[in-house]
Amino acid sequence: MFPIKSLIVAAVAVTLASNGFSAESPALAKLQGKWSGKRTTREGQEVTTTVEIKGEKLIFQMLSSDKEVRFFAKGDVKAEKLGPFNVLKLTALEAGGSANDARAVDDDRTTIYVLSGDTLTLGSNFDKERENQKPNVEVYQRVEGPAAAATPAPAGGVAGKWKVTVKLGEDDREYEMNLADAGGKLSGVLISPRSGEHKFKTVTYTNGKLFMELPRTIEENEVTFVYTGELKGGELAGDVIVKGFEDQFKGTWTAKK
């Protein structure tokens, strides 16, 4: 017998091939913005630390009391599940005394994180031993970027009828999408010329970011497509993943009225 997950993957693959669907994951989308915390150095001095996440890039800085950069690091970041933990996987790291001095560092990192509203707790150096770096836990507050409970932006720009093109690999598929605004609450329907109407479970437009969840039944199995995107120049563009199968199914989409 084939494992049920393998059967779901195969079924989704068949559906995507006929219906069509990388970008930042929904988990990473919640961490977008700038976060600030405090740290006491080994010399007993209190410094400010900042973490800024833009797309799939992360920048870390340590600032003195007069706001001068004392340490700088940047790299690629992904948000993933590791057993019961949420983790940030940091790769392609560069570090130095400043952005101009940053050099490649051969040391990928896996950092545990807990997000609660606008509070981000990071557990660092638990993944392996590092010289002169003990495991530690730091708490950051969001200072810029989308808040967890931000007020939805006016939806007039995204509400309406759209012609949608979804690209998966070399395959392009055409759809229609209707988004409706009822007192600031969005709803929507994706219309396929092959399989008919499919109602979005969730449609939100917050701080210029569109987030939509589309449940589908494929071979009697429930899966969820997650759309993320932005409105620029009157057009929508973004990415699509299949929740739980992000590594197998990633695509991009665009939409015009």
C-alpha atoms as a PDB file:
ATOM      1  CA  MET A   1       0.000   0.000   0.000  1.00  0.00           C
ATOM      2  CA  PHE A   2       1.188   3.526  -0.754  1.00  0.00           C
ATOM      3  CA  PRO A   3       1.326   6.004   2.166  1.00  0.00           C
ATOM      4  CA  ILE A   4      -1.708   8.302   2.147  1.00  0.00           C
ATOM      5  CA  LYS A   5       0.520  11.391   1.885  1.00  0.00           C
ATOM      6  CA  SER A   6       2.107  10.022  -1.273  1.00  0.00           C
ATOM      7  CA  LEU A   7      -1.323   9.458  -2.745  1.00  0.00           C
ATOM      8  CA  ILE A   8      -2.342  13.044  -1.907  1.00  0.00           C
ATOM      9  CA  VAL A   9       0.851  14.380  -3.499  1.00  0.00           C
ATOM     10  CA  ALA A  10       0.163  12.383  -6.635  1.00  0.00           C
ATOM     11  CA  ALA A  11      -3.455  13.545  -6.745  1.00  0.00           C
ATOM     12  CA  VAL A  12      -2.466  17.193  -6.262  1.00  0.00           C
ATOM     13  CA  ALA A  13       0.132  16.841  -9.001  1.00  0.00           C
ATOM     14  CA  VAL A  14      -2.496  15.547 -11.411  1.00  0.00           C
ATOM     15  CA  THR A  15      -4.877  18.379 -10.509  1.00  0.00           C
ATOM     16  CA  LEU A  16      -2.194  21.026 -10.845  1.00  0.00           C
ATOM     17  CA  ALA A  17      -1.190  19.648 -14.196  1.00  0.00           C
ATOM     18  CA  SER A  18      -4.744  20.077 -15.404  1.00  0.00           C
ATOM     19  CA  ASN A  19      -5.742  23.166 -13.379  1.00  0.00           C
ATOM     20  CA  GLY A  20      -2.435  24.861 -12.802  1.00  0.00           C
ATOM     21  CA  PHE A  21      -1.187  26.798  -9.661  1.00  0.00           C
ATOM     22  CA  SER A  22       7.689  30.441  -4.383  1.00  0.00           C
ATOM     23  CA  ALA A  23       7.641  32.919  -2.398  1.00  0.00           C
ATOM     24  CA  GLU A  24       7.505  33.583   1.243  1.00  0.00           C
ATOM     25  CA  SER A  25       5.419  31.098   3.232  1.00  0.00           C
ATOM     26  CA  PRO A  26       2.343  32.198   5.239  1.00  0.00           C
ATOM     27  CA  ALA A  27       4.403  31.675   8.423  1.00  0.00           C
ATOM     28  CA  LEU A  28       7.188  33.936   7.166  1.00  0.00           C
ATOM     29  CA  ALA A  29       4.646  36.510   5.974  1.00  0.00           C
ATOM     30  CA  LYS A  30       3.610  37.023   9.614  1.00  0.00           C
ATOM     31  CA  LEU A  31       7.207  37.884  10.545  1.00  0.00           C
ATOM     32  CA  GLN A  32       7.707  40.563   7.900  1.00  0.00           C
ATOM     33  CA  GLY A  33       8.911  43.892   9.258  1.00  0.00           C
ATOM     34  CA  LYS A  34      11.434  45.171  11.795  1.00  0.00           C
ATOM     35  CA  TRP A  35      11.842  43.910  15.369  1.00  0.00           C
ATOM     36  CA  SER A  36      13.819  45.489  18.222  1.00  0.00           C
ATOM     37  CA  GLY A  37      15.235  44.071  21.440  1.00  0.00           C
ATOM     38  CA  LYS A  38      17.870  44.680  24.123  1.00  0.00           C
ATOM     39  CA  ARG A  39      21.020  42.728  24.967  1.00  0.00           C
ATOM     40  CA  THR A  40      23.740  43.060  27.598  1.00  0.00           C
ATOM     41  CA  THR A  41      27.245  42.436  26.286  1.00  0.00           C
ATOM     42  CA  ARG A  42      29.958  40.509  28.130  1.00  0.00           C
ATOM     43  CA  GLU A  43      31.376  43.899  29.116  1.00  0.00           C
ATOM     44  CA  GLY A  44      28.087  44.752  30.844  1.00  0.00           C
ATOM     45  CA  GLN A  45      26.968  47.299  28.260  1.00  0.00           C
ATOM     46  CA  GLU A  46      23.353  47.381  27.106  1.00  0.00           C
ATOM     47  CA  VAL A  47      22.926  47.458  23.330  1.00  0.00           C
ATOM     48  CA  THR A  48      19.956  47.452  20.973  1.00  0.00           C
ATOM     49  CA  THR A  49      19.495  44.532  18.592  1.00  0.00           C
ATOM     50  CA  THR A  50      17.259  44.618  15.540  1.00  0.00           C
ATOM     51  CA  VAL A  51      15.961  41.908  13.232  1.00  0.00           C
ATOM     52  CA  GLU A  52      14.482  42.977   9.892  1.00  0.00           C
ATOM     53  CA  ILE A  53      12.758  40.486   7.585  1.00  0.00           C
ATOM     54  CA  LYS A  54      11.938  41.497   4.011  1.00  0.00           C
ATOM     55  CA  GLY A  55      10.622  38.709   1.826  1.00  0.00           C
ATOM     56  CA  GLU A  56      13.055  35.829   2.322  1.00  0.00           C
ATOM     57  CA  LYS A  57      15.932  38.031   3.503  1.00  0.00           C
ATOM     58  CA  LEU A  58      16.929  38.748   7.115  1.00  0.00           C
ATOM     59  CA  ILE A  59      19.169  41.523   8.454  1.00  0.00           C
ATOM     60  CA  PHE A  60      20.472  41.532  12.045  1.00  0.00           C
ATOM     61  CA  GLN A  61      22.168  44.544  13.633  1.00  0.00           C
ATOM     62  CA  MET A  62      23.634  45.350  17.027  1.00  0.00           C
ATOM     63  CA  LEU A  63      23.608  49.073  17.846  1.00  0.00           C
ATOM     64  CA  SER A  64      25.419  50.974  20.577  1.00  0.00           C
ATOM     65  CA  SER A  65      23.659  53.503  22.815  1.00  0.00           C
ATOM     66  CA  ASP A  66      24.470  56.229  20.262  1.00  0.00           C
ATOM     67  CA  LYS A  67      22.924  54.104  17.463  1.00  0.00           C
ATOM     68  CA  GLU A  68      26.223  53.168  15.846  1.00  0.00           C
ATOM     69  CA  VAL A  69      26.368  49.711  14.247  1.00  0.00           C
ATOM     70  CA  ARG A  70      28.637  47.373  16.220  1.00  0.00           C
ATOM     71  CA  PHE A  71      27.740  44.169  14.401  1.00  0.00           C
ATOM     72  CA  PHE A  72      25.909  43.389  11.154  1.00  0.00           C
ATOM     73  CA  ALA A  73      24.698  40.114   9.628  1.00  0.00           C
ATOM     74  CA  LYS A  74      22.397  39.166   6.776  1.00  0.00           C
ATOM     75  CA  GLY A  75      21.226  36.030   5.011  1.00  0.00           C
ATOM     76  CA  ASP A  76      18.399  34.042   3.490  1.00  0.00           C
ATOM     77  CA  VAL A  77      15.613  32.982   5.840  1.00  0.00           C
ATOM     78  CA  LYS A  78      12.809  30.428   5.765  1.00  0.00           C
ATOM     79  CA  ALA A  79      10.167  29.692   8.401  1.00  0.00           C
ATOM     80  CA  GLU A  80       9.549  25.972   8.932  1.00  0.00           C
ATOM     81  CA  LYS A  81       8.185  23.432  11.404  1.00  0.00           C
ATOM     82  CA  LEU A  82      10.681  21.168  13.199  1.00  0.00           C
ATOM     83  CA  GLY A  83       8.685  18.702  15.280  1.00  0.00           C
ATOM     84  CA  PRO A  84       6.604  20.816  17.698  1.00  0.00           C
ATOM     85  CA  PHE A  85       8.778  23.900  17.161  1.00  0.00           C
ATOM     86  CA  ASN A  86       8.625  26.817  14.739  1.00  0.00           C
ATOM     87  CA  VAL A  87      12.112  27.575  13.442  1.00  0.00           C
ATOM     88  CA  LEU A  88      13.888  30.077  11.239  1.00  0.00           C
ATOM     89  CA  LYS A  89      16.475  28.488   8.955  1.00  0.00           C
ATOM     90  CA  LEU A  90      19.236  30.952   8.094  1.00  0.00           C
ATOM     91  CA  THR A  91      21.555  30.284   5.160  1.00  0.00           C
ATOM     92  CA  ALA A  92      23.992  32.185   2.895  1.00  0.00           C
ATOM     93  CA  LEU A  93      25.053  34.221   5.911  1.00  0.00           C
ATOM     94  CA  GLU A  94      27.366  37.237   5.784  1.00  0.00           C
ATOM     95  CA  ALA A  95      28.599  39.093   8.876  1.00  0.00           C
ATOM     96  CA  GLY A  96      30.943  41.864   9.950  1.00  0.00           C
ATOM     97  CA  GLY A  97      31.330  45.059  11.910  1.00  0.00           C
ATOM     98  CA  SER A  98      29.092  46.850   9.395  1.00  0.00           C
ATOM     99  CA  ALA A  99      27.266  46.232   6.123  1.00  0.00           C
ATOM    100  CA  ASN A 100      30.381  47.287   4.201  1.00  0.00           C
ATOM    101  CA  ASP A 101      32.577  44.848   6.144  1.00  0.00           C
ATOM    102  CA  ALA A 102      30.270  41.833   5.857  1.00  0.00           C
ATOM    103  CA  ARG A 103      31.915  38.640   4.618  1.00  0.00           C
ATOM    104  CA  ALA A 104      30.535  35.164   3.922  1.00  0.00           C
ATOM    105  CA  VAL A 105      30.178  32.939   7.003  1.00  0.00           C
ATOM    106  CA  ASP A 106      30.228  29.158   6.638  1.00  0.00           C
ATOM    107  CA  ASP A 107      27.666  28.510   9.377  1.00  0.00           C
ATOM    108  CA  ASP A 108      23.979  27.925   8.690  1.00  0.00           C
ATOM    109  CA  ARG A 109      21.724  28.423  11.705  1.00  0.00           C
ATOM    110  CA  THR A 110      18.398  27.105  12.929  1.00  0.00           C
ATOM    111  CA  THR A 111      16.714  29.439  15.418  1.00  0.00           C
ATOM    112  CA  ILE A 112      13.587  28.541  17.396  1.00  0.00           C
ATOM    113  CA  TYR A 113      10.932  31.255  17.430  1.00  0.00           C
ATOM    114  CA  VAL A 114       7.603  31.995  19.124  1.00  0.00           C
ATOM    115  CA  LEU A 115       5.328  34.728  17.739  1.00  0.00           C
ATOM    116  CA  SER A 116       2.655  36.224  19.990  1.00  0.00           C
ATOM    117  CA  GLY A 117       1.005  39.315  18.574  1.00  0.00           C
ATOM    118  CA  ASP A 118       3.775  41.873  18.123  1.00  0.00           C
ATOM    119  CA  THR A 119       6.219  40.004  20.384  1.00  0.00           C
ATOM    120  CA  LEU A 120       8.824  37.711  18.827  1.00  0.00           C
ATOM    121  CA  THR A 121      10.887  35.399  21.033  1.00  0.00           C
ATOM    122  CA  LEU A 122      14.033  33.890  19.513  1.00  0.00           C
ATOM    123  CA  GLY A 123      16.052  30.970  20.895  1.00  0.00           C
ATOM    124  CA  SER A 124      19.537  30.993  19.380  1.00  0.00           C
ATOM    125  CA  ASN A 125      22.504  28.574  19.481  1.00  0.00           C
ATOM    126  CA  PHE A 126      20.368  25.610  20.482  1.00  0.00           C
ATOM    127  CA  ASP A 127      21.059  23.873  17.158  1.00  0.00           C
ATOM    128  CA  LYS A 128      24.759  23.229  17.872  1.00  0.00           C
ATOM    129  CA  GLU A 129      27.702  24.328  20.012  1.00  0.00           C
ATOM    130  CA  ARG A 130      29.561  27.457  18.897  1.00  0.00           C
ATOM    131  CA  GLU A 131      32.703  28.874  20.429  1.00  0.00           C
ATOM    132  CA  ASN A 132      31.977  31.796  22.774  1.00  0.00           C
ATOM    133  CA  GLN A 133      28.247  31.655  21.914  1.00  0.00           C
ATOM    134  CA  LYS A 134      25.993  30.172  24.552  1.00  0.00           C
ATOM    135  CA  PRO A 135      22.346  29.251  23.941  1.00  0.00           C
ATOM    136  CA  ASN A 136      20.204  32.269  24.726  1.00  0.00           C
ATOM    137  CA  VAL A 137      16.635  33.532  24.486  1.00  0.00           C
ATOM    138  CA  GLU A 138      15.813  37.103  23.419  1.00  0.00           C
ATOM    139  CA  VAL A 139      12.514  38.958  23.166  1.00  0.00           C
ATOM    140  CA  TYR A 140      11.823  41.420  20.354  1.00  0.00           C
ATOM    141  CA  GLN A 141       8.985  43.868  19.783  1.00  0.00           C
ATOM    142  CA  ARG A 142       7.698  44.802  16.329  1.00  0.00           C
ATOM    143  CA  VAL A 143       8.613  48.401  15.489  1.00  0.00           C
ATOM    144  CA  GLU A 144       7.870  48.434  11.740  1.00  0.00           C
ATOM    145  CA  GLY A 145       5.854  46.379   9.295  1.00  0.00           C
ATOM    146  CA  PRO A 146       2.530  44.529   9.345  1.00  0.00           C
ATOM    147  CA  ALA A 147       1.097  44.105  12.823  1.00  0.00           C
ATOM    148  CA  ALA A 148      -0.513  40.838  13.802  1.00  0.00           C
ATOM    149  CA  ALA A 149      -3.872  42.512  14.266  1.00  0.00           C
ATOM    150  CA  ALA A 150      -3.509  45.359  11.817  1.00  0.00           C
ATOM    151  CA  THR A 151      -6.562  47.108  10.493  1.00  0.00           C
ATOM    152  CA  PRO A 152      -7.380  45.917   6.974  1.00  0.00           C
ATOM    153  CA  ALA A 153      -6.593  48.418   4.258  1.00  0.00           C
ATOM    154  CA  PRO A 154      -9.383  49.753   2.080  1.00  0.00           C
ATOM    155  CA  ALA A 155     -10.279  46.864  -0.189  1.00  0.00           C
ATOM    156  CA  GLY A 156     -11.515  48.916  -3.119  1.00  0.00           C
ATOM    157  CA  GLY A 157      -8.332  48.266  -5.046  1.00  0.00           C
ATOM    158  CA  VAL A 158      -8.584  44.485  -4.861  1.00  0.00           C
ATOM    159  CA  ALA A 159     -12.357  44.069  -4.950  1.00  0.00           C
ATOM    160  CA  GLY A 160     -13.793  43.307  -8.375  1.00  0.00           C
ATOM    161  CA  LYS A 161     -13.441  40.847 -11.250  1.00  0.00           C
ATOM    162  CA  TRP A 162      -9.997  39.668 -12.280  1.00  0.00           C
ATOM    163  CA  LYS A 163      -8.471  37.633 -15.092  1.00  0.00           C
ATOM    164  CA  VAL A 164      -5.950  35.354 -13.419  1.00  0.00           C
ATOM    165  CA  THR A 165      -2.952  33.525 -14.886  1.00  0.00           C
ATOM    166  CA  VAL A 166      -1.314  30.828 -12.760  1.00  0.00           C
ATOM    167  CA  LYS A 167       2.108  29.469 -13.660  1.00  0.00           C
ATOM    168  CA  LEU A 168       3.441  26.147 -12.380  1.00  0.00           C
ATOM    169  CA  GLY A 169       6.663  25.098 -14.036  1.00  0.00           C
ATOM    170  CA  GLU A 170       6.141  25.581 -17.766  1.00  0.00           C
ATOM    171  CA  ASP A 171       2.355  25.302 -17.527  1.00  0.00           C
ATOM    172  CA  ASP A 172       0.119  28.434 -17.604  1.00  0.00           C
ATOM    173  CA  ARG A 173      -3.569  28.252 -16.693  1.00  0.00           C
ATOM    174  CA  GLU A 174      -6.269  30.905 -16.988  1.00  0.00           C
ATOM    175  CA  TYR A 175      -8.984  31.608 -14.395  1.00  0.00           C
ATOM    176  CA  GLU A 176     -11.467  34.259 -13.374  1.00  0.00           C
ATOM    177  CA  MET A 177     -11.551  35.592  -9.809  1.00  0.00           C
ATOM    178  CA  ASN A 178     -14.276  37.627  -8.149  1.00  0.00           C
ATOM    179  CA  LEU A 179     -13.414  39.449  -4.923  1.00  0.00           C
ATOM    180  CA  ALA A 180     -16.195  41.229  -2.999  1.00  0.00           C
ATOM    181  CA  ASP A 181     -15.938  43.787  -0.204  1.00  0.00           C
ATOM    182  CA  ALA A 182     -18.740  43.883   2.390  1.00  0.00           C
ATOM    183  CA  GLY A 183     -18.029  46.570   4.959  1.00  0.00           C
ATOM    184  CA  GLY A 184     -14.294  45.932   4.911  1.00  0.00           C
ATOM    185  CA  LYS A 185     -14.636  42.139   4.963  1.00  0.00           C
ATOM    186  CA  LEU A 186     -13.441  40.422   1.799  1.00  0.00           C
ATOM    187  CA  SER A 187     -14.736  37.241   0.202  1.00  0.00           C
ATOM    188  CA  GLY A 188     -13.922  35.648  -3.102  1.00  0.00           C
ATOM    189  CA  VAL A 189     -14.477  32.946  -5.695  1.00  0.00           C
ATOM    190  CA  LEU A 190     -12.011  31.422  -8.153  1.00  0.00           C
ATOM    191  CA  ILE A 191     -13.661  30.226 -11.359  1.00  0.00           C
ATOM    192  CA  SER A 192     -12.001  27.494 -13.411  1.00  0.00           C
ATOM    193  CA  PRO A 193     -13.201  26.779 -16.970  1.00  0.00           C
ATOM    194  CA  ARG A 194     -12.416  23.129 -16.204  1.00  0.00           C
ATOM    195  CA  SER A 195     -13.876  22.538 -12.745  1.00  0.00           C
ATOM    196  CA  GLY A 196     -16.203  25.465 -12.023  1.00  0.00           C
ATOM    197  CA  GLU A 197     -16.396  27.750  -8.975  1.00  0.00           C
ATOM    198  CA  HIS A 198     -14.268  27.368  -5.863  1.00  0.00           C
ATOM    199  CA  LYS A 199     -14.889  29.623  -2.862  1.00  0.00           C
ATOM    200  CA  PHE A 200     -11.997  31.084  -0.882  1.00  0.00           C
ATOM    201  CA  LYS A 201     -12.075  30.220   2.814  1.00  0.00           C
ATOM    202  CA  THR A 202     -10.060  33.314   3.767  1.00  0.00           C
ATOM    203  CA  VAL A 203      -9.424  36.597   1.957  1.00  0.00           C
ATOM    204  CA  THR A 204      -7.559  39.402   3.761  1.00  0.00           C
ATOM    205  CA  TYR A 205      -5.846  42.536   2.490  1.00  0.00           C
ATOM    206  CA  THR A 206      -3.646  44.056   5.191  1.00  0.00           C
ATOM    207  CA  ASN A 207      -0.858  46.595   4.840  1.00  0.00           C
ATOM    208  CA  GLY A 208      -0.795  46.078   1.089  1.00  0.00           C
ATOM    209  CA  LYS A 209      -0.537  42.271   1.383  1.00  0.00           C
ATOM    210  CA  LEU A 210      -3.202  39.959  -0.021  1.00  0.00           C
ATOM    211  CA  PHE A 211      -3.649  36.553   1.646  1.00  0.00           C
ATOM    212  CA  MET A 212      -6.155  33.952   0.424  1.00  0.00           C
ATOM    213  CA  GLU A 213      -6.844  30.315   1.300  1.00  0.00           C
ATOM    214  CA  LEU A 214      -8.653  28.059  -1.166  1.00  0.00           C
ATOM    215  CA  PRO A 215      -9.762  24.608   0.069  1.00  0.00           C
ATOM    216  CA  ARG A 216     -10.050  21.913  -2.583  1.00  0.00           C
ATOM    217  CA  THR A 217     -11.118  18.275  -2.544  1.00  0.00           C
ATOM    218  CA  ILE A 218      -8.803  16.154  -4.675  1.00  0.00           C
ATOM    219  CA  GLU A 219      -9.373  12.407  -4.934  1.00  0.00           C
ATOM    220  CA  GLU A 220     -11.510  12.678  -1.753  1.00  0.00           C
ATOM    221  CA  ASN A 221      -8.638  14.359   0.113  1.00  0.00           C
ATOM    222  CA  GLU A 222      -8.812  17.900   1.478  1.00  0.00           C
ATOM    223  CA  VAL A 223      -5.950  20.236   0.554  1.00  0.00           C
ATOM    224  CA  THR A 224      -5.568  23.999   0.822  1.00  0.00           C
ATOM    225  CA  PHE A 225      -4.012  26.323  -1.740  1.00  0.00           C
ATOM    226  CA  VAL A 226      -2.528  29.474  -0.198  1.00  0.00           C
ATOM    227  CA  TYR A 227      -2.231  32.602  -2.350  1.00  0.00           C
ATOM    228  CA  THR A 228      -0.102  35.572  -1.280  1.00  0.00           C
ATOM    229  CA  GLY A 229       0.369  38.713  -3.325  1.00  0.00           C
ATOM    230  CA  GLU A 230       0.472  42.480  -3.669  1.00  0.00           C
ATOM    231  CA  LEU A 231      -1.387  45.122  -5.656  1.00  0.00           C
ATOM    232  CA  LYS A 232       0.944  47.259  -7.763  1.00  0.00           C
ATOM    233  CA  GLY A 233       0.042  49.498 -10.653  1.00  0.00           C
ATOM    234  CA  GLY A 234      -3.500  48.145 -10.735  1.00  0.00           C
ATOM    235  CA  GLU A 235      -2.331  44.536 -11.096  1.00  0.00           C
ATOM    236  CA  LEU A 236      -2.077  41.693  -8.600  1.00  0.00           C
ATOM    237  CA  ALA A 237       0.943  39.408  -8.476  1.00  0.00           C
ATOM    238  CA  GLY A 238       2.190  36.833  -6.020  1.00  0.00           C
ATOM    239  CA  ASP A 239       2.748  33.184  -5.233  1.00  0.00           C
ATOM    240  CA  VAL A 240       0.796  30.023  -4.581  1.00  0.00           C
ATOM    241  CA  ILE A 241       1.677  27.010  -2.457  1.00  0.00           C
ATOM    242  CA  VAL A 242      -0.195  23.891  -1.383  1.00  0.00           C
ATOM    243  CA  LYS A 243      -0.237  23.870   2.425  1.00  0.00           C
ATOM    244  CA  GLY A 244       1.694  20.900   3.758  1.00  0.00           C
ATOM    245  CA  PHE A 245       3.263  20.239   0.355  1.00  0.00           C
ATOM    246  CA  GLU A 246       5.246  23.458  -0.071  1.00  0.00           C
ATOM    247  CA  ASP A 247       8.368  21.662  -1.287  1.00  0.00           C
ATOM    248  CA  GLN A 248       6.497  19.836  -4.059  1.00  0.00           C
ATOM    249  CA  PHE A 249       4.101  22.526  -5.289  1.00  0.00           C
ATOM    250  CA  LYS A 250       5.028  26.187  -5.689  1.00  0.00           C
ATOM    251  CA  GLY A 251       3.771  28.553  -8.348  1.00  0.00           C
ATOM    252  CA  THR A 252       3.276  32.204  -9.237  1.00  0.00           C
ATOM    253  CA  TRP A 253       0.168  34.088 -10.306  1.00  0.00           C
ATOM    254  CA  THR A 254      -0.807  37.429 -11.823  1.00  0.00           C
ATOM    255  CA  ALA A 255      -4.185  39.102 -12.255  1.00  0.00           C
ATOM    256  CA  LYS A 256      -5.583  41.989 -14.278  1.00  0.00           C
ATOM    257  CA  LYS A 257      -9.044  43.545 -14.300  1.00  0.00           C
END
